[in-house]
Amino acid sequence: MNKNILKWTQTHLFTQKEAPADAEIPSHKLMMRSGFMKKLAPGLYTYGAIGLRAIRKFENILREELHTAKGIEILMPVVQPKELWVETNRWTEMGAGLLKFKNRNDHEFCLGAT
């Protein structure tokens, strides 16, 4: 038996009979009901095995297109220093929409929104 084959009982699907009341877009409703993802809080989701597989497939399609266009893929940190955001005046312009915090050495950082 192929070790990469996952039994249906091992997928940990969290299906729902009804779509959540706050889901407005048909695709969002379908993904929530079918177990692709589960909402933890506004804007925060846990992705099930099928949802993660869909994300990986989408990433691979993007990589292929990026390669075709002779582009490069980069990975930037989610936590970014204040200085990067001050240079473009976004530190103050973003206001309360930007999650800001200090580390144990009192250096300021934010959760990169872009």
PDB file of N, CA and C in Angstrom:
ATOM      1  N   MET A   1       0.843  -1.185   0.000  1.00  0.00           N
ATOM      2  CA  MET A   1       0.000   0.000   0.000  1.00  0.00           C
ATOM      3  C   MET A   1       0.889   1.249   0.000  1.00  0.00           C
ATOM      4  N   ASN A   2       0.510   2.240  -0.763  1.00  0.00           N
ATOM      5  CA  ASN A   2       1.250   3.488  -0.858  1.00  0.00           C
ATOM      6  C   ASN A   2       1.134   4.261   0.457  1.00  0.00           C
ATOM      7  N   LYS A   3       2.271   4.653   1.024  1.00  0.00           N
ATOM      8  CA  LYS A   3       2.265   5.371   2.307  1.00  0.00           C
ATOM      9  C   LYS A   3       1.684   6.774   2.178  1.00  0.00           C
ATOM     10  N   ASN A   4       1.659   7.319   0.962  1.00  0.00           N
ATOM     11  CA  ASN A   4       1.156   8.671   0.750  1.00  0.00           C
ATOM     12  C   ASN A   4      -0.363   8.739   0.666  1.00  0.00           C
ATOM     13  N   ILE A   5      -1.013   7.593   0.600  1.00  0.00           N
ATOM     14  CA  ILE A   5      -2.470   7.573   0.521  1.00  0.00           C
ATOM     15  C   ILE A   5      -3.037   7.726   1.927  1.00  0.00           C
ATOM     16  N   LEU A   6      -3.925   8.706   2.067  1.00  0.00           N
ATOM     17  CA  LEU A   6      -4.538   8.990   3.358  1.00  0.00           C
ATOM     18  C   LEU A   6      -5.942   8.400   3.375  1.00  0.00           C
ATOM     19  N   LYS A   7      -6.244   7.654   4.410  1.00  0.00           N
ATOM     20  CA  LYS A   7      -7.583   7.094   4.540  1.00  0.00           C
ATOM     21  C   LYS A   7      -8.563   8.224   4.831  1.00  0.00           C
ATOM     22  N   TRP A   8      -9.765   8.105   4.290  1.00  0.00           N
ATOM     23  CA  TRP A   8     -10.782   9.124   4.483  1.00  0.00           C
ATOM     24  C   TRP A   8     -11.031   9.391   5.970  1.00  0.00           C
ATOM     25  N   THR A   9     -10.966   8.361   6.794  1.00  0.00           N
ATOM     26  CA  THR A   9     -11.208   8.525   8.231  1.00  0.00           C
ATOM     27  C   THR A   9     -10.082   9.289   8.916  1.00  0.00           C
ATOM     28  N   GLN A  10      -8.952   9.452   8.245  1.00  0.00           N
ATOM     29  CA  GLN A  10      -7.823  10.172   8.833  1.00  0.00           C
ATOM     30  C   GLN A  10      -7.770  11.638   8.420  1.00  0.00           C
ATOM     31  N   THR A  11      -8.729  12.117   7.658  1.00  0.00           N
ATOM     32  CA  THR A  11      -8.668  13.478   7.129  1.00  0.00           C
ATOM     33  C   THR A  11      -9.085  14.543   8.136  1.00  0.00           C
ATOM     34  N   HIS A  12      -9.738  14.184   9.200  1.00  0.00           N
ATOM     35  CA  HIS A  12     -10.174  15.132  10.233  1.00  0.00           C
ATOM     36  C   HIS A  12     -11.033  16.247   9.641  1.00  0.00           C
ATOM     37  N   LEU A  13     -12.023  15.872   8.852  1.00  0.00           N
ATOM     38  CA  LEU A  13     -12.935  16.852   8.271  1.00  0.00           C
ATOM     39  C   LEU A  13     -13.863  17.400   9.339  1.00  0.00           C
ATOM     40  N   PHE A  14     -14.132  18.681   9.262  1.00  0.00           N
ATOM     41  CA  PHE A  14     -15.097  19.284  10.165  1.00  0.00           C
ATOM     42  C   PHE A  14     -16.207  19.904   9.321  1.00  0.00           C
ATOM     43  N   THR A  15     -17.054  19.038   8.765  1.00  0.00           N
ATOM     44  CA  THR A  15     -18.148  19.493   7.903  1.00  0.00           C
ATOM     45  C   THR A  15     -19.275  20.081   8.737  1.00  0.00           C
ATOM     46  N   GLN A  16     -20.085  20.925   8.083  1.00  0.00           N
ATOM     47  CA  GLN A  16     -21.213  21.572   8.741  1.00  0.00           C
ATOM     48  C   GLN A  16     -22.449  21.419   7.864  1.00  0.00           C
ATOM     49  N   LYS A  17     -23.600  21.297   8.494  1.00  0.00           N
ATOM     50  CA  LYS A  17     -24.840  21.198   7.726  1.00  0.00           C
ATOM     51  C   LYS A  17     -25.224  22.547   7.139  1.00  0.00           C
ATOM     52  N   GLU A  18     -24.999  23.593   7.889  1.00  0.00           N
ATOM     53  CA  GLU A  18     -25.356  24.944   7.452  1.00  0.00           C
ATOM     54  C   GLU A  18     -24.106  25.806   7.353  1.00  0.00           C
ATOM     55  N   ALA A  19     -24.134  26.746   6.437  1.00  0.00           N
ATOM     56  CA  ALA A  19     -23.031  27.704   6.321  1.00  0.00           C
ATOM     57  C   ALA A  19     -23.138  28.713   7.459  1.00  0.00           C
ATOM     58  N   PRO A  20     -22.015  29.201   7.982  1.00  0.00           N
ATOM     59  CA  PRO A  20     -22.064  30.211   9.036  1.00  0.00           C
ATOM     60  C   PRO A  20     -22.801  31.464   8.561  1.00  0.00           C
ATOM     61  N   ALA A  21     -23.463  32.130   9.470  1.00  0.00           N
ATOM     62  CA  ALA A  21     -24.259  33.311   9.125  1.00  0.00           C
ATOM     63  C   ALA A  21     -23.407  34.425   8.527  1.00  0.00           C
ATOM     64  N   ASP A  22     -22.145  34.536   8.939  1.00  0.00           N
ATOM     65  CA  ASP A  22     -21.298  35.622   8.441  1.00  0.00           C
ATOM     66  C   ASP A  22     -20.637  35.308   7.099  1.00  0.00           C
ATOM     67  N   ALA A  23     -20.824  34.113   6.579  1.00  0.00           N
ATOM     68  CA  ALA A  23     -20.274  33.751   5.265  1.00  0.00           C
ATOM     69  C   ALA A  23     -21.227  34.267   4.193  1.00  0.00           C
ATOM     70  N   GLU A  24     -20.743  35.186   3.354  1.00  0.00           N
ATOM     71  CA  GLU A  24     -21.602  35.815   2.354  1.00  0.00           C
ATOM     72  C   GLU A  24     -21.353  35.300   0.943  1.00  0.00           C
ATOM     73  N   ILE A  25     -20.103  35.040   0.597  1.00  0.00           N
ATOM     74  CA  ILE A  25     -19.727  34.628  -0.750  1.00  0.00           C
ATOM     75  C   ILE A  25     -19.996  33.130  -0.907  1.00  0.00           C
ATOM     76  N   PRO A  26     -20.611  32.721  -2.020  1.00  0.00           N
ATOM     77  CA  PRO A  26     -20.933  31.292  -2.208  1.00  0.00           C
ATOM     78  C   PRO A  26     -19.735  30.356  -2.040  1.00  0.00           C
ATOM     79  N   SER A  27     -18.571  30.733  -2.563  1.00  0.00           N
ATOM     80  CA  SER A  27     -17.398  29.859  -2.435  1.00  0.00           C
ATOM     81  C   SER A  27     -16.961  29.736  -0.975  1.00  0.00           C
ATOM     82  N   HIS A  28     -17.084  30.812  -0.213  1.00  0.00           N
ATOM     83  CA  HIS A  28     -16.743  30.802   1.211  1.00  0.00           C
ATOM     84  C   HIS A  28     -17.688  29.869   1.962  1.00  0.00           C
ATOM     85  N   LYS A  29     -18.971  29.972   1.656  1.00  0.00           N
ATOM     86  CA  LYS A  29     -19.963  29.098   2.291  1.00  0.00           C
ATOM     87  C   LYS A  29     -19.653  27.631   2.005  1.00  0.00           C
ATOM     88  N   LEU A  30     -19.343  27.337   0.746  1.00  0.00           N
ATOM     89  CA  LEU A  30     -19.061  25.963   0.346  1.00  0.00           C
ATOM     90  C   LEU A  30     -17.802  25.428   1.026  1.00  0.00           C
ATOM     91  N   MET A  31     -16.751  26.252   1.083  1.00  0.00           N
ATOM     92  CA  MET A  31     -15.506  25.805   1.727  1.00  0.00           C
ATOM     93  C   MET A  31     -15.704  25.558   3.217  1.00  0.00           C
ATOM     94  N   MET A  32     -16.517  26.389   3.861  1.00  0.00           N
ATOM     95  CA  MET A  32     -16.781  26.211   5.292  1.00  0.00           C
ATOM     96  C   MET A  32     -17.616  24.947   5.528  1.00  0.00           C
ATOM     97  N   ARG A  33     -18.652  24.752   4.737  1.00  0.00           N
ATOM     98  CA  ARG A  33     -19.531  23.593   4.914  1.00  0.00           C
ATOM     99  C   ARG A  33     -18.834  22.286   4.591  1.00  0.00           C
ATOM    100  N   SER A  34     -17.953  22.294   3.591  1.00  0.00           N
ATOM    101  CA  SER A  34     -17.324  21.045   3.149  1.00  0.00           C
ATOM    102  C   SER A  34     -16.082  20.668   3.943  1.00  0.00           C
ATOM    103  N   GLY A  35     -15.675  21.503   4.884  1.00  0.00           N
ATOM    104  CA  GLY A  35     -14.556  21.149   5.744  1.00  0.00           C
ATOM    105  C   GLY A  35     -13.195  21.582   5.243  1.00  0.00           C
ATOM    106  N   PHE A  36     -13.156  22.451   4.229  1.00  0.00           N
ATOM    107  CA  PHE A  36     -11.868  22.957   3.763  1.00  0.00           C
ATOM    108  C   PHE A  36     -11.212  23.801   4.847  1.00  0.00           C
ATOM    109  N   MET A  37     -12.036  24.552   5.586  1.00  0.00           N
ATOM    110  CA  MET A  37     -11.500  25.426   6.622  1.00  0.00           C
ATOM    111  C   MET A  37     -12.528  25.627   7.723  1.00  0.00           C
ATOM    112  N   LYS A  38     -12.027  26.059   8.865  1.00  0.00           N
ATOM    113  CA  LYS A  38     -12.877  26.309  10.030  1.00  0.00           C
ATOM    114  C   LYS A  38     -12.473  27.658  10.608  1.00  0.00           C
ATOM    115  N   LYS A  39     -13.456  28.494  10.903  1.00  0.00           N
ATOM    116  CA  LYS A  39     -13.188  29.832  11.417  1.00  0.00           C
ATOM    117  C   LYS A  39     -12.851  29.783  12.903  1.00  0.00           C
ATOM    118  N   LEU A  40     -11.735  30.430  13.271  1.00  0.00           N
ATOM    119  CA  LEU A  40     -11.348  30.542  14.678  1.00  0.00           C
ATOM    120  C   LEU A  40     -11.806  31.870  15.257  1.00  0.00           C
ATOM    121  N   ALA A  41     -11.626  32.945  14.481  1.00  0.00           N
ATOM    122  CA  ALA A  41     -11.990  34.307  14.855  1.00  0.00           C
ATOM    123  C   ALA A  41     -12.073  35.096  13.550  1.00  0.00           C
ATOM    124  N   PRO A  42     -12.575  36.331  13.574  1.00  0.00           N
ATOM    125  CA  PRO A  42     -12.643  37.098  12.325  1.00  0.00           C
ATOM    126  C   PRO A  42     -11.282  37.158  11.619  1.00  0.00           C
ATOM    127  N   GLY A  43     -11.240  36.640  10.405  1.00  0.00           N
ATOM    128  CA  GLY A  43     -10.015  36.650   9.608  1.00  0.00           C
ATOM    129  C   GLY A  43      -9.020  35.552   9.920  1.00  0.00           C
ATOM    130  N   LEU A  44      -9.327  34.681  10.882  1.00  0.00           N
ATOM    131  CA  LEU A  44      -8.417  33.601  11.266  1.00  0.00           C
ATOM    132  C   LEU A  44      -9.085  32.251  11.021  1.00  0.00           C
ATOM    133  N   TYR A  45      -8.423  31.416  10.218  1.00  0.00           N
ATOM    134  CA  TYR A  45      -8.992  30.124   9.851  1.00  0.00           C
ATOM    135  C   TYR A  45      -7.998  28.997  10.070  1.00  0.00           C
ATOM    136  N   THR A  46      -8.531  27.835  10.414  1.00  0.00           N
ATOM    137  CA  THR A  46      -7.760  26.601  10.451  1.00  0.00           C
ATOM    138  C   THR A  46      -8.120  25.847   9.184  1.00  0.00           C
ATOM    139  N   TYR A  47      -7.109  25.361   8.488  1.00  0.00           N
ATOM    140  CA  TYR A  47      -7.348  24.643   7.239  1.00  0.00           C
ATOM    141  C   TYR A  47      -7.228  23.152   7.475  1.00  0.00           C
ATOM    142  N   GLY A  48      -8.231  22.408   7.041  1.00  0.00           N
ATOM    143  CA  GLY A  48      -8.210  20.958   7.137  1.00  0.00           C
ATOM    144  C   GLY A  48      -7.320  20.375   6.050  1.00  0.00           C
ATOM    145  N   ALA A  49      -7.228  19.062   6.017  1.00  0.00           N
ATOM    146  CA  ALA A  49      -6.356  18.379   5.053  1.00  0.00           C
ATOM    147  C   ALA A  49      -6.717  18.735   3.617  1.00  0.00           C
ATOM    148  N   ILE A  50      -8.000  18.790   3.310  1.00  0.00           N
ATOM    149  CA  ILE A  50      -8.429  19.101   1.946  1.00  0.00           C
ATOM    150  C   ILE A  50      -8.162  20.571   1.628  1.00  0.00           C
ATOM    151  N   GLY A  51      -8.417  21.453   2.577  1.00  0.00           N
ATOM    152  CA  GLY A  51      -8.149  22.874   2.372  1.00  0.00           C
ATOM    153  C   GLY A  51      -6.674  23.148   2.159  1.00  0.00           C
ATOM    154  N   LEU A  52      -5.834  22.495   2.946  1.00  0.00           N
ATOM    155  CA  LEU A  52      -4.389  22.668   2.803  1.00  0.00           C
ATOM    156  C   LEU A  52      -3.919  22.134   1.455  1.00  0.00           C
ATOM    157  N   ARG A  53      -4.500  21.029   1.036  1.00  0.00           N
ATOM    158  CA  ARG A  53      -4.144  20.467  -0.276  1.00  0.00           C
ATOM    159  C   ARG A  53      -4.515  21.439  -1.398  1.00  0.00           C
ATOM    160  N   ALA A  54      -5.664  22.092  -1.282  1.00  0.00           N
ATOM    161  CA  ALA A  54      -6.088  23.080  -2.281  1.00  0.00           C
ATOM    162  C   ALA A  54      -5.133  24.270  -2.302  1.00  0.00           C
ATOM    163  N   ILE A  55      -4.708  24.715  -1.119  1.00  0.00           N
ATOM    164  CA  ILE A  55      -3.754  25.826  -1.038  1.00  0.00           C
ATOM    165  C   ILE A  55      -2.444  25.444  -1.712  1.00  0.00           C
ATOM    166  N   ARG A  56      -1.951  24.245  -1.445  1.00  0.00           N
ATOM    167  CA  ARG A  56      -0.687  23.777  -2.043  1.00  0.00           C
ATOM    168  C   ARG A  56      -0.792  23.698  -3.570  1.00  0.00           C
ATOM    169  N   LYS A  57      -1.931  23.222  -4.071  1.00  0.00           N
ATOM    170  CA  LYS A  57      -2.130  23.149  -5.525  1.00  0.00           C
ATOM    171  C   LYS A  57      -2.113  24.555  -6.131  1.00  0.00           C
ATOM    172  N   PHE A  58      -2.777  25.491  -5.464  1.00  0.00           N
ATOM    173  CA  PHE A  58      -2.813  26.878  -5.927  1.00  0.00           C
ATOM    174  C   PHE A  58      -1.402  27.469  -5.933  1.00  0.00           C
ATOM    175  N   GLU A  59      -0.637  27.222  -4.872  1.00  0.00           N
ATOM    176  CA  GLU A  59       0.749  27.703  -4.806  1.00  0.00           C
ATOM    177  C   GLU A  59       1.579  27.150  -5.957  1.00  0.00           C
ATOM    178  N   ASN A  60       1.399  25.881  -6.273  1.00  0.00           N
ATOM    179  CA  ASN A  60       2.159  25.270  -7.367  1.00  0.00           C
ATOM    180  C   ASN A  60       1.795  25.870  -8.718  1.00  0.00           C
ATOM    181  N   ILE A  61       0.525  26.177  -8.921  1.00  0.00           N
ATOM    182  CA  ILE A  61       0.103  26.839 -10.162  1.00  0.00           C
ATOM    183  C   ILE A  61       0.763  28.211 -10.259  1.00  0.00           C
ATOM    184  N   LEU A  62       0.763  28.952  -9.147  1.00  0.00           N
ATOM    185  CA  LEU A  62       1.406  30.271  -9.137  1.00  0.00           C
ATOM    186  C   LEU A  62       2.897  30.166  -9.422  1.00  0.00           C
ATOM    187  N   ARG A  63       3.555  29.168  -8.838  1.00  0.00           N
ATOM    188  CA  ARG A  63       4.991  28.974  -9.083  1.00  0.00           C
ATOM    189  C   ARG A  63       5.270  28.687 -10.555  1.00  0.00           C
ATOM    190  N   GLU A  64       4.440  27.851 -11.162  1.00  0.00           N
ATOM    191  CA  GLU A  64       4.606  27.539 -12.585  1.00  0.00           C
ATOM    192  C   GLU A  64       4.468  28.796 -13.432  1.00  0.00           C
ATOM    193  N   GLU A  65       3.467  29.609 -13.141  1.00  0.00           N
ATOM    194  CA  GLU A  65       3.255  30.845 -13.898  1.00  0.00           C
ATOM    195  C   GLU A  65       4.387  31.837 -13.655  1.00  0.00           C
ATOM    196  N   LEU A  66       4.849  31.902 -12.417  1.00  0.00           N
ATOM    197  CA  LEU A  66       5.970  32.779 -12.082  1.00  0.00           C
ATOM    198  C   LEU A  66       7.221  32.349 -12.835  1.00  0.00           C
ATOM    199  N   HIS A  67       7.457  31.052 -12.893  1.00  0.00           N
ATOM    200  CA  HIS A  67       8.606  30.508 -13.616  1.00  0.00           C
ATOM    201  C   HIS A  67       8.489  30.817 -15.113  1.00  0.00           C
ATOM    202  N   THR A  68       7.292  30.652 -15.669  1.00  0.00           N
ATOM    203  CA  THR A  68       7.051  30.949 -17.085  1.00  0.00           C
ATOM    204  C   THR A  68       7.336  32.419 -17.388  1.00  0.00           C
ATOM    205  N   ALA A  69       6.980  33.298 -16.452  1.00  0.00           N
ATOM    206  CA  ALA A  69       7.201  34.737 -16.629  1.00  0.00           C
ATOM    207  C   ALA A  69       8.619  35.154 -16.244  1.00  0.00           C
ATOM    208  N   LYS A  70       9.460  34.177 -15.932  1.00  0.00           N
ATOM    209  CA  LYS A  70      10.847  34.408 -15.518  1.00  0.00           C
ATOM    210  C   LYS A  70      10.937  35.270 -14.249  1.00  0.00           C
ATOM    211  N   GLY A  71       9.957  35.091 -13.376  1.00  0.00           N
ATOM    212  CA  GLY A  71       9.955  35.781 -12.096  1.00  0.00           C
ATOM    213  C   GLY A  71      10.639  34.941 -11.037  1.00  0.00           C
ATOM    214  N   ILE A  72      10.768  35.508  -9.857  1.00  0.00           N
ATOM    215  CA  ILE A  72      11.376  34.785  -8.741  1.00  0.00           C
ATOM    216  C   ILE A  72      10.419  34.804  -7.550  1.00  0.00           C
ATOM    217  N   GLU A  73      10.525  33.784  -6.745  1.00  0.00           N
ATOM    218  CA  GLU A  73       9.709  33.683  -5.542  1.00  0.00           C
ATOM    219  C   GLU A  73      10.544  34.129  -4.353  1.00  0.00           C
ATOM    220  N   ILE A  74       9.947  34.946  -3.486  1.00  0.00           N
ATOM    221  CA  ILE A  74      10.630  35.358  -2.258  1.00  0.00           C
ATOM    222  C   ILE A  74       9.719  35.054  -1.072  1.00  0.00           C
ATOM    223  N   LEU A  75      10.310  34.974   0.090  1.00  0.00           N
ATOM    224  CA  LEU A  75       9.563  34.769   1.323  1.00  0.00           C
ATOM    225  C   LEU A  75      10.013  35.830   2.307  1.00  0.00           C
ATOM    226  N   MET A  76       9.078  36.646   2.743  1.00  0.00           N
ATOM    227  CA  MET A  76       9.399  37.730   3.668  1.00  0.00           C
ATOM    228  C   MET A  76       8.884  37.378   5.057  1.00  0.00           C
ATOM    229  N   PRO A  77       9.535  37.900   6.094  1.00  0.00           N
ATOM    230  CA  PRO A  77       9.071  37.606   7.451  1.00  0.00           C
ATOM    231  C   PRO A  77       7.719  38.262   7.736  1.00  0.00           C
ATOM    232  N   VAL A  78       6.937  37.615   8.540  1.00  0.00           N
ATOM    233  CA  VAL A  78       5.637  38.156   8.928  1.00  0.00           C
ATOM    234  C   VAL A  78       5.829  39.282   9.941  1.00  0.00           C
ATOM    235  N   VAL A  79       6.777  39.121  10.843  1.00  0.00           N
ATOM    236  CA  VAL A  79       7.091  40.148  11.838  1.00  0.00           C
ATOM    237  C   VAL A  79       8.164  41.055  11.247  1.00  0.00           C
ATOM    238  N   GLN A  80       7.871  42.364  11.214  1.00  0.00           N
ATOM    239  CA  GLN A  80       8.782  43.307  10.576  1.00  0.00           C
ATOM    240  C   GLN A  80       9.133  44.447  11.523  1.00  0.00           C
ATOM    241  N   PRO A  81      10.365  44.986  11.423  1.00  0.00           N
ATOM    242  CA  PRO A  81      10.772  46.074  12.306  1.00  0.00           C
ATOM    243  C   PRO A  81      10.068  47.388  11.959  1.00  0.00           C
ATOM    244  N   LYS A  82       9.898  48.210  12.957  1.00  0.00           N
ATOM    245  CA  LYS A  82       9.224  49.503  12.812  1.00  0.00           C
ATOM    246  C   LYS A  82       9.867  50.352  11.724  1.00  0.00           C
ATOM    247  N   GLU A  83      11.188  50.315  11.626  1.00  0.00           N
ATOM    248  CA  GLU A  83      11.921  51.181  10.702  1.00  0.00           C
ATOM    249  C   GLU A  83      11.446  51.035   9.250  1.00  0.00           C
ATOM    250  N   LEU A  84      11.134  49.826   8.832  1.00  0.00           N
ATOM    251  CA  LEU A  84      10.653  49.616   7.461  1.00  0.00           C
ATOM    252  C   LEU A  84       9.344  50.351   7.205  1.00  0.00           C
ATOM    253  N   TRP A  85       8.506  50.395   8.198  1.00  0.00           N
ATOM    254  CA  TRP A  85       7.197  51.019   8.054  1.00  0.00           C
ATOM    255  C   TRP A  85       7.255  52.531   8.231  1.00  0.00           C
ATOM    256  N   VAL A  86       8.220  53.025   9.011  1.00  0.00           N
ATOM    257  CA  VAL A  86       8.390  54.467   9.198  1.00  0.00           C
ATOM    258  C   VAL A  86       8.874  55.110   7.897  1.00  0.00           C
ATOM    259  N   GLU A  87       9.759  54.422   7.163  1.00  0.00           N
ATOM    260  CA  GLU A  87      10.298  54.946   5.894  1.00  0.00           C
ATOM    261  C   GLU A  87       9.199  55.331   4.915  1.00  0.00           C
ATOM    262  N   THR A  88       8.115  54.614   4.914  1.00  0.00           N
ATOM    263  CA  THR A  88       7.019  54.867   3.970  1.00  0.00           C
ATOM    264  C   THR A  88       5.815  55.532   4.645  1.00  0.00           C
ATOM    265  N   ASN A  89       5.984  56.005   5.860  1.00  0.00           N
ATOM    266  CA  ASN A  89       4.937  56.662   6.661  1.00  0.00           C
ATOM    267  C   ASN A  89       3.749  55.759   6.980  1.00  0.00           C
ATOM    268  N   ARG A  90       3.893  54.463   6.757  1.00  0.00           N
ATOM    269  CA  ARG A  90       2.773  53.557   7.022  1.00  0.00           C
ATOM    270  C   ARG A  90       2.618  53.243   8.505  1.00  0.00           C
ATOM    271  N   TRP A  91       3.663  53.455   9.297  1.00  0.00           N
ATOM    272  CA  TRP A  91       3.590  53.161  10.736  1.00  0.00           C
ATOM    273  C   TRP A  91       2.466  53.967  11.382  1.00  0.00           C
ATOM    274  N   THR A  92       2.347  55.249  11.006  1.00  0.00           N
ATOM    275  CA  THR A  92       1.290  56.088  11.578  1.00  0.00           C
ATOM    276  C   THR A  92       0.020  56.056  10.735  1.00  0.00           C
ATOM    277  N   GLU A  93       0.159  55.965   9.410  1.00  0.00           N
ATOM    278  CA  GLU A  93      -1.011  55.973   8.527  1.00  0.00           C
ATOM    279  C   GLU A  93      -1.925  54.772   8.740  1.00  0.00           C
ATOM    280  N   MET A  94      -1.360  53.626   9.055  1.00  0.00           N
ATOM    281  CA  MET A  94      -2.168  52.412   9.232  1.00  0.00           C
ATOM    282  C   MET A  94      -2.999  52.461  10.509  1.00  0.00           C
ATOM    283  N   GLY A  95      -2.586  53.261  11.464  1.00  0.00           N
ATOM    284  CA  GLY A  95      -3.343  53.417  12.696  1.00  0.00           C
ATOM    285  C   GLY A  95      -3.555  52.112  13.442  1.00  0.00           C
ATOM    286  N   ALA A  96      -4.783  51.930  13.938  1.00  0.00           N
ATOM    287  CA  ALA A  96      -5.111  50.740  14.732  1.00  0.00           C
ATOM    288  C   ALA A  96      -5.195  49.479  13.878  1.00  0.00           C
ATOM    289  N   GLY A  97      -5.173  49.626  12.558  1.00  0.00           N
ATOM    290  CA  GLY A  97      -5.241  48.471  11.672  1.00  0.00           C
ATOM    291  C   GLY A  97      -3.948  47.685  11.594  1.00  0.00           C
ATOM    292  N   LEU A  98      -2.893  48.226  12.176  1.00  0.00           N
ATOM    293  CA  LEU A  98      -1.587  47.567  12.160  1.00  0.00           C
ATOM    294  C   LEU A  98      -1.281  47.041  13.559  1.00  0.00           C
ATOM    295  N   LEU A  99      -1.056  45.758  13.668  1.00  0.00           N
ATOM    296  CA  LEU A  99      -0.737  45.150  14.960  1.00  0.00           C
ATOM    297  C   LEU A  99       0.714  45.464  15.308  1.00  0.00           C
ATOM    298  N   LYS A 100       0.901  46.264  16.353  1.00  0.00           N
ATOM    299  CA  LYS A 100       2.239  46.690  16.773  1.00  0.00           C
ATOM    300  C   LYS A 100       2.553  46.094  18.136  1.00  0.00           C
ATOM    301  N   PHE A 101       3.831  45.803  18.364  1.00  0.00           N
ATOM    302  CA  PHE A 101       4.245  45.269  19.659  1.00  0.00           C
ATOM    303  C   PHE A 101       5.736  45.501  19.855  1.00  0.00           C
ATOM    304  N   LYS A 102       6.185  45.309  21.097  1.00  0.00           N
ATOM    305  CA  LYS A 102       7.602  45.452  21.436  1.00  0.00           C
ATOM    306  C   LYS A 102       8.141  44.099  21.869  1.00  0.00           C
ATOM    307  N   ASN A 103       9.406  43.860  21.564  1.00  0.00           N
ATOM    308  CA  ASN A 103      10.029  42.621  22.034  1.00  0.00           C
ATOM    309  C   ASN A 103      10.597  42.851  23.430  1.00  0.00           C
ATOM    310  N   ARG A 104      11.250  41.850  23.976  1.00  0.00           N
ATOM    311  CA  ARG A 104      11.755  41.969  25.350  1.00  0.00           C
ATOM    312  C   ARG A 104      12.869  42.998  25.487  1.00  0.00           C
ATOM    313  N   ASN A 105      13.467  43.418  24.368  1.00  0.00           N
ATOM    314  CA  ASN A 105      14.499  44.465  24.387  1.00  0.00           C
ATOM    315  C   ASN A 105      13.917  45.831  24.068  1.00  0.00           C
ATOM    316  N   ASP A 106      12.604  45.934  24.085  1.00  0.00           N
ATOM    317  CA  ASP A 106      11.864  47.172  23.855  1.00  0.00           C
ATOM    318  C   ASP A 106      11.976  47.698  22.421  1.00  0.00           C
ATOM    319  N   HIS A 107      12.331  46.845  21.463  1.00  0.00           N
ATOM    320  CA  HIS A 107      12.340  47.232  20.053  1.00  0.00           C
ATOM    321  C   HIS A 107      10.930  47.045  19.501  1.00  0.00           C
ATOM    322  N   GLU A 108      10.490  47.998  18.669  1.00  0.00           N
ATOM    323  CA  GLU A 108       9.133  47.936  18.134  1.00  0.00           C
ATOM    324  C   GLU A 108       9.081  47.169  16.813  1.00  0.00           C
ATOM    325  N   PHE A 109       8.014  46.379  16.686  1.00  0.00           N
ATOM    326  CA  PHE A 109       7.775  45.570  15.496  1.00  0.00           C
ATOM    327  C   PHE A 109       6.293  45.634  15.152  1.00  0.00           C
ATOM    328  N   CYS A 110       5.952  45.109  13.990  1.00  0.00           N
ATOM    329  CA  CYS A 110       4.546  44.982  13.615  1.00  0.00           C
ATOM    330  C   CYS A 110       4.348  43.673  12.867  1.00  0.00           C
ATOM    331  N   LEU A 111       3.104  43.300  12.761  1.00  0.00           N
ATOM    332  CA  LEU A 111       2.745  42.136  11.971  1.00  0.00           C
ATOM    333  C   LEU A 111       2.533  42.648  10.554  1.00  0.00           C
ATOM    334  N   GLY A 112       3.407  42.248   9.638  1.00  0.00           N
ATOM    335  CA  GLY A 112       3.384  42.774   8.273  1.00  0.00           C
ATOM    336  C   GLY A 112       2.041  42.564   7.596  1.00  0.00           C
ATOM    337  N   ALA A 113       1.390  43.651   7.269  1.00  0.00           N
ATOM    338  CA  ALA A 113       0.072  43.582   6.636  1.00  0.00           C
ATOM    339  C   ALA A 113       0.170  43.463   5.120  1.00  0.00           C
ATOM    340  N   THR A 114       1.341  43.720   4.560  1.00  0.00           N
ATOM    341  CA  THR A 114       1.509  43.646   3.094  1.00  0.00           C
ATOM    342  C   THR A 114       2.682  42.762   2.752  1.00  0.00           C
TER     343      THR A 114
END
